[in-house]
């Protein structure tokens, strides 16, 4: 894998993480204000879920090259 390709994947991971974290925080704030009497736990839970989804996407994206390379060797 070239350094440019790896750099692009990291850029996508960071952008995806920022988007999902921001969306999770926004959703948590709305849920906290509307339904949970301004408790902070909905904000933490939704932000954590967003970061978890971003981490899983990044992990799959970074592993995809190695999984394709392994399949080519097996054939």
Protein backbone atom coordinates (compact mmCIF):
# COMPACT_ATOMS: atom_id res chain seq x y z
CA UNK A 1 0.00 0.00 0.00
CA UNK A 2 1.43 3.36 -0.96
CA UNK A 3 1.82 6.18 1.51
CA UNK A 4 -0.61 8.35 -0.46
CA UNK A 5 -3.29 5.67 -0.34
CA UNK A 6 -2.77 5.20 3.39
CA UNK A 7 -2.90 8.98 3.90
CA UNK A 8 -6.19 9.19 2.01
CA UNK A 9 -7.65 6.40 4.13
CA UNK A 10 -6.60 8.19 7.34
CA UNK A 11 -8.10 11.43 6.06
CA UNK A 12 -11.38 9.62 5.38
CA UNK A 13 -11.26 8.06 8.85
CA UNK A 14 -10.72 11.39 10.57
CA UNK A 15 -13.43 13.11 8.53
CA UNK A 16 -15.87 10.26 9.19
CA UNK A 17 -15.04 10.38 12.91
CA UNK A 18 -15.62 14.13 13.09
CA UNK A 19 -18.95 13.86 11.27
CA UNK A 20 -20.20 10.96 13.38
CA UNK A 21 -19.04 12.56 16.62
CA UNK A 22 -20.75 15.85 15.73
CA UNK A 23 -23.94 14.08 14.72
CA UNK A 24 -23.90 12.02 17.92
CA UNK A 25 -23.37 15.10 20.05
CA UNK A 26 -26.18 16.96 18.27
CA UNK A 27 -28.58 14.06 18.60
CA UNK A 28 -27.62 13.63 22.27
CA UNK A 29 -28.27 17.29 23.02
CA UNK A 30 -31.69 17.14 21.34
CA UNK A 31 -32.64 13.96 23.19
CA UNK A 32 -31.37 15.38 26.46
CA UNK A 33 -33.37 18.60 26.13
CA UNK A 34 -36.58 17.08 24.79
CA UNK A 35 -36.90 13.78 26.64
CA UNK A 36 -34.44 13.35 29.51
CA UNK A 37 -34.76 16.57 31.54
CA UNK A 38 -31.30 17.86 30.60
CA UNK A 39 -29.30 14.90 31.88
CA UNK A 40 -25.86 14.49 30.33
CA UNK A 41 -25.86 10.73 29.78
CA UNK A 42 -27.72 10.83 26.42
CA UNK A 43 -25.00 13.11 25.06
CA UNK A 44 -22.26 10.73 26.20
CA UNK A 45 -24.02 7.64 24.90
CA UNK A 46 -24.77 9.06 21.46
CA UNK A 47 -21.28 10.55 21.07
CA UNK A 48 -19.78 7.19 22.04
CA UNK A 49 -21.98 5.38 19.56
CA UNK A 50 -20.89 7.79 16.82
CA UNK A 51 -17.22 7.30 17.62
CA UNK A 52 -17.71 3.54 17.76
CA UNK A 53 -19.28 3.50 14.31
CA UNK A 54 -16.47 5.67 12.95
CA UNK A 55 -13.86 3.35 14.50
CA UNK A 56 -15.49 0.27 12.96
CA UNK A 57 -15.67 1.93 9.53
CA UNK A 58 -12.03 3.00 9.76
CA UNK A 59 -10.92 -0.45 10.83
CA UNK A 60 -12.73 -2.05 7.89
CA UNK A 61 -11.33 0.51 5.47
CA UNK A 62 -7.75 0.00 6.64
CA UNK A 63 -8.04 -3.80 6.60
CA UNK A 64 -9.68 -3.98 3.17
CA UNK A 65 -6.38 -3.79 1.27
CA UNK A 66 -4.84 -6.62 3.27
CA UNK A 67 -7.90 -8.83 2.93
CA UNK A 68 -7.91 -8.40 -0.87
CA UNK A 69 -4.18 -9.11 -1.01
CA UNK A 70 -4.64 -12.30 1.05
CA UNK A 71 -7.42 -13.54 -1.28
CA UNK A 72 -5.19 -13.00 -4.30
CA UNK A 73 -2.40 -15.05 -2.73
CA UNK A 74 -4.75 -17.93 -1.90
CA UNK A 75 -5.91 -18.23 -5.51
